[in-house]
PDB file of all heavy atoms in Angstrom:
ATOM      1  N   GLN A   1       0.896  -1.223   0.028  1.00  0.00           N
ATOM      2  CA  GLN A   1      -0.019  -0.030  -0.040  1.00  0.00           C
ATOM      3  C   GLN A   1       0.870   1.248  -0.035  1.00  0.00           C
ATOM      4  O   GLN A   1       0.544   2.267  -0.715  1.00  0.00           O
ATOM      5  CB  GLN A   1      -0.968  -0.006   1.215  1.00  0.00           C
ATOM      6  CG  GLN A   1      -1.906  -1.166   1.263  1.00  0.00           C
ATOM      7  CD  GLN A   1      -2.854  -1.245   0.045  1.00  0.00           C
ATOM      8  OE1 GLN A   1      -3.461  -0.211  -0.347  1.00  0.00           O
ATOM      9  NE2 GLN A   1      -2.908  -2.308  -0.607  1.00  0.00           N
ATOM     10  N   ARG A   2       1.969   1.214   0.655  1.00  0.00           N
ATOM     11  CA  ARG A   2       2.873   2.343   0.841  1.00  0.00           C
ATOM     12  C   ARG A   2       3.486   2.680  -0.536  1.00  0.00           C
ATOM     13  O   ARG A   2       3.556   3.700  -1.049  1.00  0.00           O
ATOM     14  CB  ARG A   2       3.958   2.059   1.849  1.00  0.00           C
ATOM     15  CG  ARG A   2       4.938   3.222   2.032  1.00  0.00           C
ATOM     16  CD  ARG A   2       5.796   3.092   3.219  1.00  0.00           C
ATOM     17  NE  ARG A   2       6.590   1.921   3.192  1.00  0.00           N
ATOM     18  CZ  ARG A   2       6.649   0.857   4.011  1.00  0.00           C
ATOM     19  NH1 ARG A   2       5.685   0.814   4.976  1.00  0.00           N
ATOM     20  NH2 ARG A   2       7.388  -0.176   3.859  1.00  0.00           N
ATOM     21  N   LEU A   3       3.994   1.615  -1.204  1.00  0.00           N
ATOM     22  CA  LEU A   3       4.654   1.772  -2.495  1.00  0.00           C
ATOM     23  C   LEU A   3       3.664   2.271  -3.548  1.00  0.00           C
ATOM     24  O   LEU A   3       3.996   3.024  -4.424  1.00  0.00           O
ATOM     25  CB  LEU A   3       5.227   0.382  -2.894  1.00  0.00           C
ATOM     26  CG  LEU A   3       6.446  -0.072  -2.096  1.00  0.00           C
ATOM     27  CD1 LEU A   3       6.765  -1.439  -2.518  1.00  0.00           C
ATOM     28  CD2 LEU A   3       7.673   0.849  -2.259  1.00  0.00           C
ATOM     29  N   THR A   4       2.439   1.783  -3.513  1.00  0.00           N
ATOM     30  CA  THR A   4       1.355   2.188  -4.433  1.00  0.00           C
ATOM     31  C   THR A   4       1.059   3.698  -4.294  1.00  0.00           C
ATOM     32  O   THR A   4       0.931   4.424  -5.223  1.00  0.00           O
ATOM     33  CB  THR A   4       0.105   1.398  -4.209  1.00  0.00           C
ATOM     34  OG1 THR A   4       0.372  -0.031  -4.371  1.00  0.00           O
ATOM     35  CG2 THR A   4      -0.993   1.796  -5.233  1.00  0.00           C
ATOM     36  N   LYS A   5       1.008   4.252  -3.088  1.00  0.00           N
ATOM     37  CA  LYS A   5       0.753   5.611  -2.799  1.00  0.00           C
ATOM     38  C   LYS A   5       1.907   6.518  -3.301  1.00  0.00           C
ATOM     39  O   LYS A   5       1.708   7.565  -3.799  1.00  0.00           O
ATOM     40  CB  LYS A   5       0.562   5.877  -1.302  1.00  0.00           C
ATOM     41  CG  LYS A   5      -0.795   5.337  -0.775  1.00  0.00           C
ATOM     42  CD  LYS A   5      -0.960   5.532   0.717  1.00  0.00           C
ATOM     43  CE  LYS A   5      -2.225   5.114   1.259  1.00  0.00           C
ATOM     44  NZ  LYS A   5      -2.431   5.279   2.684  1.00  0.00           N
ATOM     45  N   MET A   6       3.163   5.954  -3.247  1.00  0.00           N
ATOM     46  CA  MET A   6       4.275   6.758  -3.722  1.00  0.00           C
ATOM     47  C   MET A   6       4.204   6.870  -5.278  1.00  0.00           C
ATOM     48  O   MET A   6       4.680   7.877  -5.788  1.00  0.00           O
ATOM     49  CB  MET A   6       5.587   6.083  -3.267  1.00  0.00           C
ATOM     50  CG  MET A   6       5.889   6.036  -1.783  1.00  0.00           C
ATOM     51  SD  MET A   6       7.292   5.060  -1.319  1.00  0.00           S
ATOM     52  CE  MET A   6       8.678   5.935  -2.202  1.00  0.00           C
ATOM     53  N   GLY A   7       3.765   5.911  -5.912  1.00  0.00           N
ATOM     54  CA  GLY A   7       3.537   6.019  -7.356  1.00  0.00           C
ATOM     55  C   GLY A   7       4.795   5.745  -8.193  1.00  0.00           C
ATOM     56  O   GLY A   7       4.820   4.815  -8.919  1.00  0.00           O
ATOM     57  N   LYS A   8       5.751   6.695  -8.196  1.00  0.00           N
ATOM     58  CA  LYS A   8       6.945   6.498  -9.011  1.00  0.00           C
ATOM     59  C   LYS A   8       8.151   6.094  -8.199  1.00  0.00           C
ATOM     60  O   LYS A   8       8.386   6.468  -7.026  1.00  0.00           O
ATOM     61  CB  LYS A   8       7.190   7.861  -9.641  1.00  0.00           C
ATOM     62  CG  LYS A   8       6.179   8.312 -10.685  1.00  0.00           C
ATOM     63  CD  LYS A   8       6.531   9.654 -11.337  1.00  0.00           C
ATOM     64  CE  LYS A   8       5.551  10.019 -12.339  1.00  0.00           C
ATOM     65  NZ  LYS A   8       5.833  11.299 -12.988  1.00  0.00           N
ATOM     66  N   HIS A   9       9.022   5.270  -8.873  1.00  0.00           N
ATOM     67  CA  HIS A   9      10.169   4.688  -8.247  1.00  0.00           C
ATOM     68  C   HIS A   9      11.402   4.691  -9.196  1.00  0.00           C
ATOM     69  O   HIS A   9      11.213   4.272 -10.275  1.00  0.00           O
ATOM     70  CB  HIS A   9       9.878   3.291  -7.631  1.00  0.00           C
ATOM     71  CG  HIS A   9       8.785   3.238  -6.682  1.00  0.00           C
ATOM     72  ND1 HIS A   9       8.983   3.311  -5.249  1.00  0.00           N
ATOM     73  CD2 HIS A   9       7.459   3.082  -6.782  1.00  0.00           C
ATOM     74  CE1 HIS A   9       7.855   3.255  -4.709  1.00  0.00           C
ATOM     75  NE2 HIS A   9       6.855   3.094  -5.566  1.00  0.00           N
ATOM     76  N   THR A  10      12.562   5.079  -8.624  1.00  0.00           N
ATOM     77  CA  THR A  10      13.780   5.076  -9.443  1.00  0.00           C
ATOM     78  C   THR A  10      14.506   3.807  -9.097  1.00  0.00           C
ATOM     79  O   THR A  10      14.956   3.625  -7.949  1.00  0.00           O
ATOM     80  CB  THR A  10      14.659   6.306  -9.235  1.00  0.00           C
ATOM     81  OG1 THR A  10      13.811   7.497  -9.486  1.00  0.00           O
ATOM     82  CG2 THR A  10      15.800   6.313 -10.052  1.00  0.00           C
ATOM     83  N   VAL A  11      14.735   2.908 -10.058  1.00  0.00           N
ATOM     84  CA  VAL A  11      15.267   1.684  -9.776  1.00  0.00           C
ATOM     85  C   VAL A  11      16.570   1.580 -10.591  1.00  0.00           C
ATOM     86  O   VAL A  11      16.598   1.878 -11.831  1.00  0.00           O
ATOM     87  CB  VAL A  11      14.382   0.485 -10.106  1.00  0.00           C
ATOM     88  CG1 VAL A  11      15.052  -0.883  -9.853  1.00  0.00           C
ATOM     89  CG2 VAL A  11      13.076   0.633  -9.304  1.00  0.00           C
ATOM     90  N   ASN A  12      17.669   1.013 -10.006  1.00  0.00           N
ATOM     91  CA  ASN A  12      18.922   0.772 -10.719  1.00  0.00           C
ATOM     92  C   ASN A  12      18.927  -0.580 -11.387  1.00  0.00           C
ATOM     93  O   ASN A  12      18.963  -1.634 -10.648  1.00  0.00           O
ATOM     94  CB  ASN A  12      20.136   0.985  -9.779  1.00  0.00           C
ATOM     95  CG  ASN A  12      21.521   0.937 -10.538  1.00  0.00           C
ATOM     96  OD1 ASN A  12      21.621   0.387 -11.591  1.00  0.00           O
ATOM     97  ND2 ASN A  12      22.433   1.516  -9.876  1.00  0.00           N
ATOM     98  N   LEU A  13      18.853  -0.682 -12.640  1.00  0.00           N
ATOM     99  CA  LEU A  13      18.828  -1.953 -13.401  1.00  0.00           C
ATOM    100  C   LEU A  13      20.124  -2.055 -14.135  1.00  0.00           C
ATOM    101  O   LEU A  13      20.287  -1.555 -15.258  1.00  0.00           O
ATOM    102  CB  LEU A  13      17.561  -2.099 -14.322  1.00  0.00           C
ATOM    103  CG  LEU A  13      16.269  -1.997 -13.685  1.00  0.00           C
ATOM    104  CD1 LEU A  13      15.127  -2.104 -14.739  1.00  0.00           C
ATOM    105  CD2 LEU A  13      16.052  -3.125 -12.655  1.00  0.00           C
ATOM    106  N   ASP A  14      21.023  -2.761 -13.508  1.00  0.00           N
ATOM    107  CA  ASP A  14      22.411  -2.992 -14.095  1.00  0.00           C
ATOM    108  C   ASP A  14      23.076  -1.688 -14.549  1.00  0.00           C
ATOM    109  O   ASP A  14      23.413  -1.485 -15.774  1.00  0.00           O
ATOM    110  CB  ASP A  14      22.259  -3.992 -15.326  1.00  0.00           C
ATOM    111  CG  ASP A  14      23.561  -4.573 -15.719  1.00  0.00           C
ATOM    112  OD1 ASP A  14      24.515  -4.503 -14.925  1.00  0.00           O
ATOM    113  OD2 ASP A  14      23.701  -5.068 -16.852  1.00  0.00           O
ATOM    114  N   ASN A  15      23.172  -0.765 -13.560  1.00  0.00           N
ATOM    115  CA  ASN A  15      23.784   0.556 -13.816  1.00  0.00           C
ATOM    116  C   ASN A  15      22.964   1.414 -14.761  1.00  0.00           C
ATOM    117  O   ASN A  15      23.574   2.384 -15.314  1.00  0.00           O
ATOM    118  CB  ASN A  15      25.254   0.411 -14.246  1.00  0.00           C
ATOM    119  CG  ASN A  15      26.146  -0.309 -13.230  1.00  0.00           C
ATOM    120  OD1 ASN A  15      25.909  -0.080 -12.071  1.00  0.00           O
ATOM    121  ND2 ASN A  15      26.976  -1.111 -13.624  1.00  0.00           N
ATOM    122  N   LYS A  16      21.813   1.105 -15.021  1.00  0.00           N
ATOM    123  CA  LYS A  16      20.935   1.915 -15.876  1.00  0.00           C
ATOM    124  C   LYS A  16      19.686   2.300 -14.929  1.00  0.00           C
ATOM    125  O   LYS A  16      19.024   1.484 -14.298  1.00  0.00           O
ATOM    126  CB  LYS A  16      20.379   1.204 -17.139  1.00  0.00           C
ATOM    127  CG  LYS A  16      21.580   0.874 -18.066  1.00  0.00           C
ATOM    128  CD  LYS A  16      21.011   0.080 -19.235  1.00  0.00           C
ATOM    129  CE  LYS A  16      22.156  -0.310 -20.173  1.00  0.00           C
ATOM    130  NZ  LYS A  16      21.641  -1.121 -21.303  1.00  0.00           N
ATOM    131  N   ILE A  17      19.514   3.679 -14.927  1.00  0.00           N
ATOM    132  CA  ILE A  17      18.489   4.158 -14.088  1.00  0.00           C
ATOM    133  C   ILE A  17      17.077   3.986 -14.786  1.00  0.00           C
ATOM    134  O   ILE A  17      16.929   4.522 -15.884  1.00  0.00           O
ATOM    135  CB  ILE A  17      18.659   5.625 -13.674  1.00  0.00           C
ATOM    136  CG1 ILE A  17      19.980   5.704 -12.887  1.00  0.00           C
ATOM    137  CG2 ILE A  17      17.540   6.071 -12.778  1.00  0.00           C
ATOM    138  CD1 ILE A  17      20.111   4.841 -11.634  1.00  0.00           C
ATOM    139  N   ALA A  18      16.145   3.426 -14.179  1.00  0.00           N
ATOM    140  CA  ALA A  18      14.723   3.252 -14.792  1.00  0.00           C
ATOM    141  C   ALA A  18      13.751   3.877 -13.798  1.00  0.00           C
ATOM    142  O   ALA A  18      13.780   3.682 -12.664  1.00  0.00           O
ATOM    143  CB  ALA A  18      14.448   1.723 -14.983  1.00  0.00           C
ATOM    144  N   ASN A  19      12.883   4.637 -14.396  1.00  0.00           N
ATOM    145  CA  ASN A  19      11.838   5.272 -13.651  1.00  0.00           C
ATOM    146  C   ASN A  19      10.594   4.364 -13.851  1.00  0.00           C
ATOM    147  O   ASN A  19       9.931   4.345 -14.869  1.00  0.00           O
ATOM    148  CB  ASN A  19      11.485   6.707 -14.124  1.00  0.00           C
ATOM    149  CG  ASN A  19      12.752   7.638 -13.798  1.00  0.00           C
ATOM    150  OD1 ASN A  19      13.216   7.665 -12.687  1.00  0.00           O
ATOM    151  ND2 ASN A  19      13.168   8.350 -14.822  1.00  0.00           N
ATOM    152  N   LEU A  20      10.219   3.699 -12.839  1.00  0.00           N
ATOM    153  CA  LEU A  20       9.061   2.780 -12.871  1.00  0.00           C
ATOM    154  C   LEU A  20       7.903   3.309 -12.144  1.00  0.00           C
ATOM    155  O   LEU A  20       8.016   4.106 -11.227  1.00  0.00           O
ATOM    156  CB  LEU A  20       9.440   1.468 -12.251  1.00  0.00           C
ATOM    157  CG  LEU A  20      10.766   0.765 -12.794  1.00  0.00           C
ATOM    158  CD1 LEU A  20      10.973  -0.560 -12.062  1.00  0.00           C
ATOM    159  CD2 LEU A  20      10.771   0.674 -14.293  1.00  0.00           C
ATOM    160  N   ARG A  21       6.749   2.859 -12.604  1.00  0.00           N
ATOM    161  CA  ARG A  21       5.388   3.294 -11.947  1.00  0.00           C
ATOM    162  C   ARG A  21       4.755   2.108 -11.291  1.00  0.00           C
ATOM    163  O   ARG A  21       4.644   0.997 -11.861  1.00  0.00           O
ATOM    164  CB  ARG A  21       4.507   3.883 -13.012  1.00  0.00           C
ATOM    165  CG  ARG A  21       5.090   5.092 -13.757  1.00  0.00           C
ATOM    166  CD  ARG A  21       3.985   5.762 -14.635  1.00  0.00           C
ATOM    167  NE  ARG A  21       3.197   4.783 -15.474  1.00  0.00           N
ATOM    168  CZ  ARG A  21       3.585   4.232 -16.555  1.00  0.00           C
ATOM    169  NH1 ARG A  21       4.798   4.533 -17.053  1.00  0.00           N
ATOM    170  NH2 ARG A  21       2.770   3.358 -17.256  1.00  0.00           N
ATOM    171  N   VAL A  22       4.297   2.444 -10.046  1.00  0.00           N
ATOM    172  CA  VAL A  22       3.497   1.415  -9.372  1.00  0.00           C
ATOM    173  C   VAL A  22       2.082   1.875  -9.493  1.00  0.00           C
ATOM    174  O   VAL A  22       1.671   2.947  -9.063  1.00  0.00           O
ATOM    175  CB  VAL A  22       3.903   1.276  -7.886  1.00  0.00           C
ATOM    176  CG1 VAL A  22       2.969   0.416  -7.176  1.00  0.00           C
ATOM    177  CG2 VAL A  22       5.331   0.772  -7.740  1.00  0.00           C
ATOM    178  N   THR A  23       1.237   1.019 -10.045  1.00  0.00           N
ATOM    179  CA  THR A  23      -0.138   1.277 -10.251  1.00  0.00           C
ATOM    180  C   THR A  23      -1.102   0.301  -9.638  1.00  0.00           C
ATOM    181  O   THR A  23      -0.817  -0.853  -9.607  1.00  0.00           O
ATOM    182  CB  THR A  23      -0.517   1.401 -11.764  1.00  0.00           C
ATOM    183  OG1 THR A  23      -0.259   0.129 -12.380  1.00  0.00           O
ATOM    184  CG2 THR A  23       0.280   2.401 -12.430  1.00  0.00           C
ATOM    185  N   PRO A  24      -2.158   0.799  -8.917  1.00  0.00           N
ATOM    186  CA  PRO A  24      -3.140  -0.256  -8.471  1.00  0.00           C
ATOM    187  C   PRO A  24      -3.851  -0.850  -9.609  1.00  0.00           C
ATOM    188  O   PRO A  24      -3.970  -0.347 -10.796  1.00  0.00           O
ATOM    189  CB  PRO A  24      -4.102   0.688  -7.639  1.00  0.00           C
ATOM    190  CG  PRO A  24      -3.989   2.040  -8.272  1.00  0.00           C
ATOM    191  CD  PRO A  24      -2.585   2.150  -8.752  1.00  0.00           C
ATOM    192  N   PHE A  25      -4.347  -2.192  -9.408  1.00  0.00           N
ATOM    193  CA  PHE A  25      -4.923  -2.822 -10.550  1.00  0.00           C
ATOM    194  C   PHE A  25      -6.110  -3.708 -10.029  1.00  0.00           C
ATOM    195  O   PHE A  25      -6.031  -4.107  -8.910  1.00  0.00           O
ATOM    196  CB  PHE A  25      -3.962  -3.690 -11.326  1.00  0.00           C
ATOM    197  CG  PHE A  25      -3.287  -4.789 -10.455  1.00  0.00           C
ATOM    198  CD1 PHE A  25      -3.803  -6.054 -10.458  1.00  0.00           C
ATOM    199  CD2 PHE A  25      -2.281  -4.509  -9.633  1.00  0.00           C
ATOM    200  CE1 PHE A  25      -3.228  -7.057  -9.749  1.00  0.00           C
ATOM    201  CE2 PHE A  25      -1.747  -5.476  -8.850  1.00  0.00           C
ATOM    202  CZ  PHE A  25      -2.196  -6.765  -8.830  1.00  0.00           C
ATOM    203  N   THR A  26      -7.041  -3.945 -10.803  1.00  0.00           N
ATOM    204  CA  THR A  26      -8.104  -4.773 -10.498  1.00  0.00           C
ATOM    205  C   THR A  26      -8.088  -6.115 -11.246  1.00  0.00           C
ATOM    206  O   THR A  26      -7.808  -6.163 -12.472  1.00  0.00           O
ATOM    207  CB  THR A  26      -9.525  -4.104 -10.895  1.00  0.00           C
ATOM    208  OG1 THR A  26      -9.567  -2.848 -10.179  1.00  0.00           O
ATOM    209  CG2 THR A  26     -10.693  -5.029 -10.451  1.00  0.00           C
ATOM    210  N   LEU A  27      -8.241  -7.210 -10.579  1.00  0.00           N
ATOM    211  CA  LEU A  27      -8.146  -8.615 -11.175  1.00  0.00           C
ATOM    212  C   LEU A  27      -9.410  -8.762 -12.036  1.00  0.00           C
ATOM    213  O   LEU A  27     -10.410  -8.103 -11.940  1.00  0.00           O
ATOM    214  CB  LEU A  27      -8.028  -9.609 -10.082  1.00  0.00           C
ATOM    215  CG  LEU A  27      -6.861  -9.453  -9.166  1.00  0.00           C
ATOM    216  CD1 LEU A  27      -6.950 -10.467  -8.042  1.00  0.00           C
ATOM    217  CD2 LEU A  27      -5.545  -9.700  -9.944  1.00  0.00           C
ATOM    218  N   GLU A  28      -9.287  -9.820 -12.894  1.00  0.00           N
ATOM    219  CA  GLU A  28     -10.423 -10.172 -13.767  1.00  0.00           C
ATOM    220  C   GLU A  28     -11.472 -10.780 -12.889  1.00  0.00           C
ATOM    221  O   GLU A  28     -11.322 -10.988 -11.755  1.00  0.00           O
ATOM    222  CB  GLU A  28      -9.902 -11.090 -14.857  1.00  0.00           C
ATOM    223  CG  GLU A  28      -9.020 -10.476 -15.845  1.00  0.00           C
ATOM    224  CD  GLU A  28      -8.530 -11.409 -16.967  1.00  0.00           C
ATOM    225  OE1 GLU A  28      -9.340 -12.357 -17.270  1.00  0.00           O
ATOM    226  OE2 GLU A  28      -7.397 -11.200 -17.466  1.00  0.00           O
ATOM    227  N   MET A  29     -12.610 -11.184 -13.571  1.00  0.00           N
ATOM    228  CA  MET A  29     -13.733 -11.607 -12.813  1.00  0.00           C
ATOM    229  C   MET A  29     -13.392 -12.978 -12.173  1.00  0.00           C
ATOM    230  O   MET A  29     -12.813 -13.874 -12.758  1.00  0.00           O
ATOM    231  CB  MET A  29     -14.855 -11.873 -13.840  1.00  0.00           C
ATOM    232  CG  MET A  29     -16.234 -12.045 -13.104  1.00  0.00           C
ATOM    233  SD  MET A  29     -16.848 -10.570 -12.301  1.00  0.00           S
ATOM    234  CE  MET A  29     -17.247  -9.590 -13.752  1.00  0.00           C
ATOM    235  N   GLY A  30     -13.831 -13.112 -10.815  1.00  0.00           N
ATOM    236  CA  GLY A  30     -13.579 -14.345 -10.167  1.00  0.00           C
ATOM    237  C   GLY A  30     -15.026 -14.950  -9.842  1.00  0.00           C
ATOM    238  O   GLY A  30     -15.978 -14.240 -10.025  1.00  0.00           O
ATOM    239  N   ILE A  31     -15.020 -16.199  -9.414  1.00  0.00           N
ATOM    240  CA  ILE A  31     -16.241 -16.897  -9.115  1.00  0.00           C
ATOM    241  C   ILE A  31     -16.140 -17.569  -7.720  1.00  0.00           C
ATOM    242  O   ILE A  31     -15.052 -18.135  -7.348  1.00  0.00           O
ATOM    243  CB  ILE A  31     -16.496 -18.037 -10.113  1.00  0.00           C
ATOM    244  CG1 ILE A  31     -16.547 -17.464 -11.483  1.00  0.00           C
ATOM    245  CG2 ILE A  31     -17.752 -18.782  -9.790  1.00  0.00           C
ATOM    246  CD1 ILE A  31     -16.618 -18.426 -12.620  1.00  0.00           C
ATOM    247  N   LYS A  32     -17.138 -17.388  -6.946  1.00  0.00           N
ATOM    248  CA  LYS A  32     -17.225 -17.994  -5.589  1.00  0.00           C
ATOM    249  C   LYS A  32     -18.509 -18.872  -5.549  1.00  0.00           C
ATOM    250  O   LYS A  32     -19.550 -18.345  -5.910  1.00  0.00           O
ATOM    251  CB  LYS A  32     -17.197 -16.983  -4.486  1.00  0.00           C
ATOM    252  CG  LYS A  32     -15.863 -16.302  -4.381  1.00  0.00           C
ATOM    253  CD  LYS A  32     -15.936 -15.222  -3.281  1.00  0.00           C
ATOM    254  CE  LYS A  32     -15.828 -15.803  -1.936  1.00  0.00           C
ATOM    255  NZ  LYS A  32     -15.734 -14.793  -0.864  1.00  0.00           N
ATOM    256  N   PHE A  33     -18.328 -20.042  -4.966  1.00  0.00           N
ATOM    257  CA  PHE A  33     -19.525 -20.860  -4.710  1.00  0.00           C
ATOM    258  C   PHE A  33     -19.307 -22.010  -3.777  1.00  0.00           C
ATOM    259  O   PHE A  33     -18.123 -22.314  -3.524  1.00  0.00           O
ATOM    260  CB  PHE A  33     -20.050 -21.469  -6.151  1.00  0.00           C
ATOM    261  CG  PHE A  33     -19.049 -22.360  -6.786  1.00  0.00           C
ATOM    262  CD1 PHE A  33     -18.935 -23.719  -6.501  1.00  0.00           C
ATOM    263  CD2 PHE A  33     -18.204 -21.835  -7.757  1.00  0.00           C
ATOM    264  CE1 PHE A  33     -18.041 -24.508  -7.132  1.00  0.00           C
ATOM    265  CE2 PHE A  33     -17.273 -22.657  -8.386  1.00  0.00           C
ATOM    266  CZ  PHE A  33     -17.183 -23.987  -8.112  1.00  0.00           C
ATOM    267  N   GLU A  34     -20.378 -22.614  -3.271  1.00  0.00           N
ATOM    268  CA  GLU A  34     -20.264 -23.712  -2.485  1.00  0.00           C
ATOM    269  C   GLU A  34     -20.898 -24.884  -3.242  1.00  0.00           C
ATOM    270  O   GLU A  34     -21.911 -24.767  -3.808  1.00  0.00           O
ATOM    271  CB  GLU A  34     -21.135 -23.523  -1.165  1.00  0.00           C
ATOM    272  CG  GLU A  34     -20.514 -22.499  -0.219  1.00  0.00           C
ATOM    273  CD  GLU A  34     -21.344 -22.460   1.097  1.00  0.00           C
ATOM    274  OE1 GLU A  34     -22.386 -23.155   1.261  1.00  0.00           O
ATOM    275  OE2 GLU A  34     -20.980 -21.585   1.942  1.00  0.00           O
ATOM    276  N   LEU A  35     -20.049 -26.068  -3.277  1.00  0.00           N
ATOM    277  CA  LEU A  35     -20.545 -27.190  -3.924  1.00  0.00           C
ATOM    278  C   LEU A  35     -21.047 -28.260  -2.938  1.00  0.00           C
ATOM    279  O   LEU A  35     -20.246 -28.665  -2.045  1.00  0.00           O
ATOM    280  CB  LEU A  35     -19.454 -27.774  -4.782  1.00  0.00           C
ATOM    281  CG  LEU A  35     -19.740 -28.977  -5.639  1.00  0.00           C
ATOM    282  CD1 LEU A  35     -20.737 -28.688  -6.689  1.00  0.00           C
ATOM    283  CD2 LEU A  35     -18.422 -29.602  -6.224  1.00  0.00           C
ATOM    284  N   HIS A  36     -22.264 -28.628  -2.987  1.00  0.00           N
ATOM    285  CA  HIS A  36     -22.783 -29.608  -2.030  1.00  0.00           C
ATOM    286  C   HIS A  36     -23.054 -30.910  -2.734  1.00  0.00           C
ATOM    287  O   HIS A  36     -23.781 -30.993  -3.771  1.00  0.00           O
ATOM    288  CB  HIS A  36     -24.149 -29.090  -1.430  1.00  0.00           C
ATOM    289  CG  HIS A  36     -23.898 -27.881  -0.533  1.00  0.00           C
ATOM    290  ND1 HIS A  36     -23.882 -27.938   0.849  1.00  0.00           N
ATOM    291  CD2 HIS A  36     -23.725 -26.548  -0.918  1.00  0.00           C
ATOM    292  CE1 HIS A  36     -23.697 -26.688   1.311  1.00  0.00           C
ATOM    293  NE2 HIS A  36     -23.599 -25.799   0.309  1.00  0.00           N
ATOM    294  N   VAL A  37     -22.542 -31.976  -2.265  1.00  0.00           N
ATOM    295  CA  VAL A  37     -22.690 -33.324  -2.830  1.00  0.00           C
ATOM    296  C   VAL A  37     -23.337 -34.297  -1.721  1.00  0.00           C
ATOM    297  O   VAL A  37     -22.754 -34.464  -0.759  1.00  0.00           O
ATOM    298  CB  VAL A  37     -21.310 -33.902  -3.339  1.00  0.00           C
ATOM    299  CG1 VAL A  37     -21.485 -35.236  -3.931  1.00  0.00           C
ATOM    300  CG2 VAL A  37     -20.691 -32.940  -4.290  1.00  0.00           C
ATOM    301  N   THR A  38     -24.422 -34.866  -2.098  1.00  0.00           N
ATOM    302  CA  THR A  38     -25.069 -35.816  -1.243  1.00  0.00           C
ATOM    303  C   THR A  38     -25.094 -37.151  -1.920  1.00  0.00           C
ATOM    304  O   THR A  38     -25.793 -37.295  -2.951  1.00  0.00           O
ATOM    305  CB  THR A  38     -26.517 -35.330  -0.874  1.00  0.00           C
ATOM    306  OG1 THR A  38     -26.543 -34.088  -0.339  1.00  0.00           O
ATOM    307  CG2 THR A  38     -27.162 -36.343   0.149  1.00  0.00           C
ATOM    308  N   VAL A  39     -24.396 -38.167  -1.365  1.00  0.00           N
ATOM    309  CA  VAL A  39     -24.393 -39.498  -1.931  1.00  0.00           C
ATOM    310  C   VAL A  39     -25.580 -40.355  -1.454  1.00  0.00           C
ATOM    311  O   VAL A  39     -25.813 -40.470  -0.254  1.00  0.00           O
ATOM    312  CB  VAL A  39     -23.046 -40.195  -1.608  1.00  0.00           C
ATOM    313  CG1 VAL A  39     -23.046 -41.575  -2.289  1.00  0.00           C
ATOM    314  CG2 VAL A  39     -21.845 -39.409  -2.142  1.00  0.00           C
TER     315      VAL A  39
END
C-alpha cells in the first residue's frame, strides 16, 4: 500500500536508471460458490 501511494520509483537496473510506476490494478472476474454433494 505504501509503494502504491508513492507511485513513481527510481530503480537501478544493471547501472541503468529506470523510472518505474507502481499502479493499483483490478483482477479479472472471479467466481465463488459452495458445492454440495449428497451421496
